[in-house]
Amino acid sequence: MKTEEKSVREISDKLKGMGDYVKMGYLKDCLRRTLDLETRRFVLSNLSAIYEKRKMLGEAGKLYRILADLNLNKDSRVNDFVKSVELFIRAGILEEAEVSYYKALNSVKEIEKQRIIEGVKGFYLSQARVYSAKGKRRHASLMYEKLLKSFQLNIAEKRFVNQELANLYKQLGKVRESLDLEKKI
């Protein structure tokens, strides 16, 4: 598809009436061209929103991370990094989630780090619950293991995660790991 539009208004007008997949192709073509910063951010945000809507969470996470790097506003930058972390966790791409997580932490002052840590901890917990509800025990156990390894949990959270993990290990046939966790509880 030949694209010649260079401004936000021209691209926005062109997007009207297109389906999601045609929009994705058009927006990818726009990214291949030289665009000013505002237009590039507009294209990236629209493309990432379409990817998220279509459950292409890994791609959306990558785009949010790129968008965060282009943001001049510190709050928007951090929000985009955190959104990237959430999408990567939902996609099950934990290595990329960790990269975005550390970029978010490095973008804020010490006082604001706790808010990000709590938010990301919540993403892992909610995704573990989603996996458990869907019967994806192995994926749920990976999320709980990541919580235990990467975050300082309070006593109640640690007990809850250990109990869930022990139950998952039993269901997965990991008897030794299950018994070890039950001793800790």
C-alpha atoms as a PDB file:
ATOM      1  CA  MET A   1       0.000   0.000   0.000  1.00  0.00           C
ATOM      2  CA  LYS A   2       1.494   3.328  -1.062  1.00  0.00           C
ATOM      3  CA  THR A   3       1.352   5.872   1.758  1.00  0.00           C
ATOM      4  CA  GLU A   4       2.066   9.540   1.345  1.00  0.00           C
ATOM      5  CA  GLU A   5       0.349  11.033   4.383  1.00  0.00           C
ATOM      6  CA  LYS A   6       2.738  12.740   6.790  1.00  0.00           C
ATOM      7  CA  SER A   7       0.593  14.531   9.383  1.00  0.00           C
ATOM      8  CA  VAL A   8      -1.588  13.234  12.198  1.00  0.00           C
ATOM      9  CA  ARG A   9      -4.702  14.677  10.579  1.00  0.00           C
ATOM     10  CA  GLU A  10      -3.991  13.108   7.159  1.00  0.00           C
ATOM     11  CA  ILE A  11      -3.271   9.698   8.703  1.00  0.00           C
ATOM     12  CA  SER A  12      -6.318   9.944  10.958  1.00  0.00           C
ATOM     13  CA  ASP A  13      -8.562  10.798   7.996  1.00  0.00           C
ATOM     14  CA  LYS A  14      -7.142   7.892   6.008  1.00  0.00           C
ATOM     15  CA  LEU A  15      -7.820   5.441   8.877  1.00  0.00           C
ATOM     16  CA  LYS A  16     -11.547   6.169   8.895  1.00  0.00           C
ATOM     17  CA  GLY A  17     -13.531   3.364   7.342  1.00  0.00           C
ATOM     18  CA  MET A  18     -10.704   0.807   7.416  1.00  0.00           C
ATOM     19  CA  GLY A  19     -10.912  -2.526   9.151  1.00  0.00           C
ATOM     20  CA  ASP A  20      -8.411  -3.440  11.861  1.00  0.00           C
ATOM     21  CA  TYR A  21      -6.140  -5.563   9.684  1.00  0.00           C
ATOM     22  CA  VAL A  22      -6.017  -2.978   6.913  1.00  0.00           C
ATOM     23  CA  LYS A  23      -5.267  -0.328   9.542  1.00  0.00           C
ATOM     24  CA  MET A  24      -2.422  -2.461  10.877  1.00  0.00           C
ATOM     25  CA  GLY A  25      -0.864  -2.753   7.440  1.00  0.00           C
ATOM     26  CA  TYR A  26      -1.302   0.940   6.733  1.00  0.00           C
ATOM     27  CA  LEU A  27       0.149   2.009  10.090  1.00  0.00           C
ATOM     28  CA  LYS A  28       3.136  -0.312   9.650  1.00  0.00           C
ATOM     29  CA  ASP A  29       3.756   1.311   6.274  1.00  0.00           C
ATOM     30  CA  CYS A  30       3.573   4.729   7.926  1.00  0.00           C
ATOM     31  CA  LEU A  31       6.229   3.689  10.439  1.00  0.00           C
ATOM     32  CA  ARG A  32       8.615   2.830   7.604  1.00  0.00           C
ATOM     33  CA  ARG A  33       8.580   6.455   6.478  1.00  0.00           C
ATOM     34  CA  THR A  34      10.226   9.479   8.035  1.00  0.00           C
ATOM     35  CA  LEU A  35       7.693  11.093  10.350  1.00  0.00           C
ATOM     36  CA  ASP A  36       7.925  13.855  12.908  1.00  0.00           C
ATOM     37  CA  LEU A  37       7.889  12.841  16.570  1.00  0.00           C
ATOM     38  CA  GLU A  38       4.228  13.669  17.221  1.00  0.00           C
ATOM     39  CA  THR A  39       3.040  11.749  14.163  1.00  0.00           C
ATOM     40  CA  ARG A  40       5.228   8.750  15.004  1.00  0.00           C
ATOM     41  CA  ARG A  41       3.764   8.648  18.524  1.00  0.00           C
ATOM     42  CA  PHE A  42       0.235   8.871  17.076  1.00  0.00           C
ATOM     43  CA  VAL A  43       0.906   5.980  14.690  1.00  0.00           C
ATOM     44  CA  LEU A  44       2.527   3.850  17.396  1.00  0.00           C
ATOM     45  CA  SER A  45      -0.281   4.429  19.878  1.00  0.00           C
ATOM     46  CA  ASN A  46      -2.970   3.558  17.315  1.00  0.00           C
ATOM     47  CA  LEU A  47      -1.113   0.470  16.148  1.00  0.00           C
ATOM     48  CA  SER A  48      -0.485  -0.758  19.692  1.00  0.00           C
ATOM     49  CA  ALA A  49      -4.160  -0.228  20.584  1.00  0.00           C
ATOM     50  CA  ILE A  50      -5.222  -2.324  17.585  1.00  0.00           C
ATOM     51  CA  TYR A  51      -2.733  -5.070  18.490  1.00  0.00           C
ATOM     52  CA  GLU A  52      -4.028  -5.116  22.063  1.00  0.00           C
ATOM     53  CA  LYS A  53      -7.639  -5.237  20.864  1.00  0.00           C
ATOM     54  CA  ARG A  54      -6.774  -8.173  18.583  1.00  0.00           C
ATOM     55  CA  LYS A  55      -4.998 -10.002  21.454  1.00  0.00           C
ATOM     56  CA  MET A  56      -1.583  -9.684  19.795  1.00  0.00           C
ATOM     57  CA  LEU A  57      -0.193  -8.786  23.198  1.00  0.00           C
ATOM     58  CA  GLY A  58       3.515  -9.371  22.565  1.00  0.00           C
ATOM     59  CA  GLU A  59       3.547  -7.020  19.594  1.00  0.00           C
ATOM     60  CA  ALA A  60       1.511  -4.444  21.503  1.00  0.00           C
ATOM     61  CA  GLY A  61       3.992  -4.649  24.384  1.00  0.00           C
ATOM     62  CA  LYS A  62       6.905  -3.986  22.035  1.00  0.00           C
ATOM     63  CA  LEU A  63       5.151  -0.984  20.552  1.00  0.00           C
ATOM     64  CA  TYR A  64       4.332   0.469  23.972  1.00  0.00           C
ATOM     65  CA  ARG A  65       8.004   0.164  24.930  1.00  0.00           C
ATOM     66  CA  ILE A  66       9.036   1.997  21.759  1.00  0.00           C
ATOM     67  CA  LEU A  67       6.347   4.593  22.428  1.00  0.00           C
ATOM     68  CA  ALA A  68       7.676   5.067  25.966  1.00  0.00           C
ATOM     69  CA  ASP A  69      11.139   5.785  24.616  1.00  0.00           C
ATOM     70  CA  LEU A  70       9.669   8.513  22.392  1.00  0.00           C
ATOM     71  CA  ASN A  71       7.673  10.201  25.169  1.00  0.00           C
ATOM     72  CA  LEU A  72       9.030  13.457  26.503  1.00  0.00           C
ATOM     73  CA  ASN A  73       6.657  13.546  29.480  1.00  0.00           C
ATOM     74  CA  LYS A  74       8.031  11.448  32.366  1.00  0.00           C
ATOM     75  CA  ASP A  75       4.606  10.300  33.581  1.00  0.00           C
ATOM     76  CA  SER A  76       3.537   9.182  30.101  1.00  0.00           C
ATOM     77  CA  ARG A  77       6.867   7.430  29.654  1.00  0.00           C
ATOM     78  CA  VAL A  78       6.435   5.466  32.897  1.00  0.00           C
ATOM     79  CA  ASN A  79       2.790   4.642  32.118  1.00  0.00           C
ATOM     80  CA  ASP A  80       3.782   3.276  28.705  1.00  0.00           C
ATOM     81  CA  PHE A  81       6.552   1.144  30.225  1.00  0.00           C
ATOM     82  CA  VAL A  82       4.114  -0.218  32.824  1.00  0.00           C
ATOM     83  CA  LYS A  83       1.529  -0.920  30.100  1.00  0.00           C
ATOM     84  CA  SER A  84       4.262  -2.760  28.201  1.00  0.00           C
ATOM     85  CA  VAL A  85       4.994  -4.850  31.307  1.00  0.00           C
ATOM     86  CA  GLU A  86       1.311  -5.703  31.691  1.00  0.00           C
ATOM     87  CA  LEU A  87       0.960  -6.766  28.058  1.00  0.00           C
ATOM     88  CA  PHE A  88       4.111  -8.886  28.120  1.00  0.00           C
ATOM     89  CA  ILE A  89       2.922 -10.616  31.310  1.00  0.00           C
ATOM     90  CA  ARG A  90      -0.478 -11.285  29.755  1.00  0.00           C
ATOM     91  CA  ALA A  91       1.311 -12.682  26.697  1.00  0.00           C
ATOM     92  CA  GLY A  92       3.520 -14.871  28.906  1.00  0.00           C
ATOM     93  CA  ILE A  93       6.755 -13.244  27.671  1.00  0.00           C
ATOM     94  CA  LEU A  94       8.356 -12.757  31.081  1.00  0.00           C
ATOM     95  CA  GLU A  95      11.857 -11.851  29.850  1.00  0.00           C
ATOM     96  CA  GLU A  96      10.526  -8.878  27.886  1.00  0.00           C
ATOM     97  CA  ALA A  97       8.261  -7.925  30.795  1.00  0.00           C
ATOM     98  CA  GLU A  98      11.319  -7.755  33.009  1.00  0.00           C
ATOM     99  CA  VAL A  99      13.140  -5.480  30.545  1.00  0.00           C
ATOM    100  CA  SER A 100      10.209  -3.054  30.479  1.00  0.00           C
ATOM    101  CA  TYR A 101       9.863  -3.305  34.260  1.00  0.00           C
ATOM    102  CA  TYR A 102      13.457  -2.239  34.852  1.00  0.00           C
ATOM    103  CA  LYS A 103      13.138   0.567  32.320  1.00  0.00           C
ATOM    104  CA  ALA A 104      10.077   1.813  34.205  1.00  0.00           C
ATOM    105  CA  LEU A 105      11.925   1.653  37.533  1.00  0.00           C
ATOM    106  CA  ASN A 106      14.896   3.511  36.083  1.00  0.00           C
ATOM    107  CA  SER A 107      12.597   6.270  34.811  1.00  0.00           C
ATOM    108  CA  VAL A 108      11.279   7.298  38.224  1.00  0.00           C
ATOM    109  CA  LYS A 109      12.601   8.611  41.510  1.00  0.00           C
ATOM    110  CA  GLU A 110      13.010   6.356  44.521  1.00  0.00           C
ATOM    111  CA  ILE A 111       9.728   7.541  46.069  1.00  0.00           C
ATOM    112  CA  GLU A 112       7.634   6.459  43.066  1.00  0.00           C
ATOM    113  CA  LYS A 113       9.222   3.027  42.635  1.00  0.00           C
ATOM    114  CA  GLN A 114       6.981   1.356  45.199  1.00  0.00           C
ATOM    115  CA  ARG A 115       3.853   2.239  43.190  1.00  0.00           C
ATOM    116  CA  ILE A 116       5.318   0.563  40.106  1.00  0.00           C
ATOM    117  CA  ILE A 117       6.451  -2.486  42.076  1.00  0.00           C
ATOM    118  CA  GLU A 118       2.979  -2.957  43.583  1.00  0.00           C
ATOM    119  CA  GLY A 119       1.327  -2.545  40.179  1.00  0.00           C
ATOM    120  CA  VAL A 120       3.568  -5.100  38.506  1.00  0.00           C
ATOM    121  CA  LYS A 121       3.118  -7.503  41.412  1.00  0.00           C
ATOM    122  CA  GLY A 122      -0.638  -7.165  40.859  1.00  0.00           C
ATOM    123  CA  PHE A 123      -0.223  -7.981  37.152  1.00  0.00           C
ATOM    124  CA  TYR A 124       1.594 -11.220  38.014  1.00  0.00           C
ATOM    125  CA  LEU A 125      -1.020 -12.189  40.599  1.00  0.00           C
ATOM    126  CA  SER A 126      -3.969 -11.510  38.325  1.00  0.00           C
ATOM    127  CA  GLN A 127      -2.398 -13.369  35.411  1.00  0.00           C
ATOM    128  CA  ALA A 128      -1.638 -16.346  37.661  1.00  0.00           C
ATOM    129  CA  ARG A 129      -5.312 -16.398  38.686  1.00  0.00           C
ATOM    130  CA  VAL A 130      -6.399 -16.204  35.041  1.00  0.00           C
ATOM    131  CA  TYR A 131      -4.158 -19.141  34.164  1.00  0.00           C
ATOM    132  CA  SER A 132      -5.436 -21.133  37.150  1.00  0.00           C
ATOM    133  CA  ALA A 133      -9.045 -20.486  36.160  1.00  0.00           C
ATOM    134  CA  LYS A 134      -8.322 -21.657  32.616  1.00  0.00           C
ATOM    135  CA  GLY A 135      -6.611 -24.812  33.869  1.00  0.00           C
ATOM    136  CA  LYS A 136      -3.163 -23.730  32.672  1.00  0.00           C
ATOM    137  CA  ARG A 137      -1.402 -24.930  35.788  1.00  0.00           C
ATOM    138  CA  ARG A 138       2.150 -24.785  34.442  1.00  0.00           C
ATOM    139  CA  HIS A 139       1.781 -21.177  33.336  1.00  0.00           C
ATOM    140  CA  ALA A 140       0.175 -20.248  36.657  1.00  0.00           C
ATOM    141  CA  SER A 141       3.039 -21.868  38.545  1.00  0.00           C
ATOM    142  CA  LEU A 142       5.552 -19.857  36.498  1.00  0.00           C
ATOM    143  CA  MET A 143       3.782 -16.638  37.498  1.00  0.00           C
ATOM    144  CA  TYR A 144       3.741 -17.569  41.180  1.00  0.00           C
ATOM    145  CA  GLU A 145       7.403 -18.630  41.038  1.00  0.00           C
ATOM    146  CA  LYS A 146       8.278 -15.288  39.480  1.00  0.00           C
ATOM    147  CA  LEU A 147       6.427 -13.513  42.292  1.00  0.00           C
ATOM    148  CA  LEU A 148       8.367 -15.399  44.957  1.00  0.00           C
ATOM    149  CA  LYS A 149      11.705 -14.891  43.249  1.00  0.00           C
ATOM    150  CA  SER A 150      11.446 -11.263  42.137  1.00  0.00           C
ATOM    151  CA  PHE A 151       9.362  -9.442  44.736  1.00  0.00           C
ATOM    152  CA  GLN A 152       9.445  -8.907  48.456  1.00  0.00           C
ATOM    153  CA  LEU A 153       6.074 -10.207  49.567  1.00  0.00           C
ATOM    154  CA  ASN A 154       4.513  -9.581  52.956  1.00  0.00           C
ATOM    155  CA  ILE A 155       3.723 -12.580  55.149  1.00  0.00           C
ATOM    156  CA  ALA A 156       0.104 -12.966  53.999  1.00  0.00           C
ATOM    157  CA  GLU A 157       1.040 -12.668  50.316  1.00  0.00           C
ATOM    158  CA  LYS A 158       3.894 -15.130  50.702  1.00  0.00           C
ATOM    159  CA  ARG A 159       1.633 -17.641  52.464  1.00  0.00           C
ATOM    160  CA  PHE A 160      -1.039 -17.292  49.756  1.00  0.00           C
ATOM    161  CA  VAL A 161       1.486 -17.709  46.913  1.00  0.00           C
ATOM    162  CA  ASN A 162       3.121 -20.713  48.598  1.00  0.00           C
ATOM    163  CA  GLN A 163      -0.264 -22.405  49.122  1.00  0.00           C
ATOM    164  CA  GLU A 164      -1.298 -21.819  45.531  1.00  0.00           C
ATOM    165  CA  LEU A 165       2.056 -23.021  44.286  1.00  0.00           C
ATOM    166  CA  ALA A 166       1.914 -26.154  46.478  1.00  0.00           C
ATOM    167  CA  ASN A 167      -1.552 -26.984  45.078  1.00  0.00           C
ATOM    168  CA  LEU A 168      -0.347 -26.419  41.519  1.00  0.00           C
ATOM    169  CA  TYR A 169       2.723 -28.585  42.100  1.00  0.00           C
ATOM    170  CA  LYS A 170       0.484 -31.405  43.365  1.00  0.00           C
ATOM    171  CA  GLN A 171      -1.687 -31.140  40.271  1.00  0.00           C
ATOM    172  CA  LEU A 172       1.386 -31.096  38.036  1.00  0.00           C
ATOM    173  CA  GLY A 173       2.835 -34.167  39.711  1.00  0.00           C
ATOM    174  CA  LYS A 174       5.742 -32.313  41.311  1.00  0.00           C
ATOM    175  CA  VAL A 175       5.371 -34.077  44.649  1.00  0.00           C
ATOM    176  CA  ARG A 176       8.789 -33.205  46.096  1.00  0.00           C
ATOM    177  CA  GLU A 177       8.357 -29.480  45.393  1.00  0.00           C
ATOM    178  CA  SER A 178       4.843 -29.591  46.804  1.00  0.00           C
ATOM    179  CA  LEU A 179       5.997 -31.230  50.042  1.00  0.00           C
ATOM    180  CA  ASP A 180       8.866 -28.735  50.399  1.00  0.00           C
ATOM    181  CA  LEU A 181       6.472 -25.813  50.077  1.00  0.00           C
ATOM    182  CA  GLU A 182       3.985 -27.325  52.523  1.00  0.00           C
ATOM    183  CA  LYS A 183       6.787 -27.526  55.109  1.00  0.00           C
ATOM    184  CA  LYS A 184       7.398 -23.783  54.660  1.00  0.00           C
ATOM    185  CA  ILE A 185       3.715 -22.983  55.143  1.00  0.00           C
END
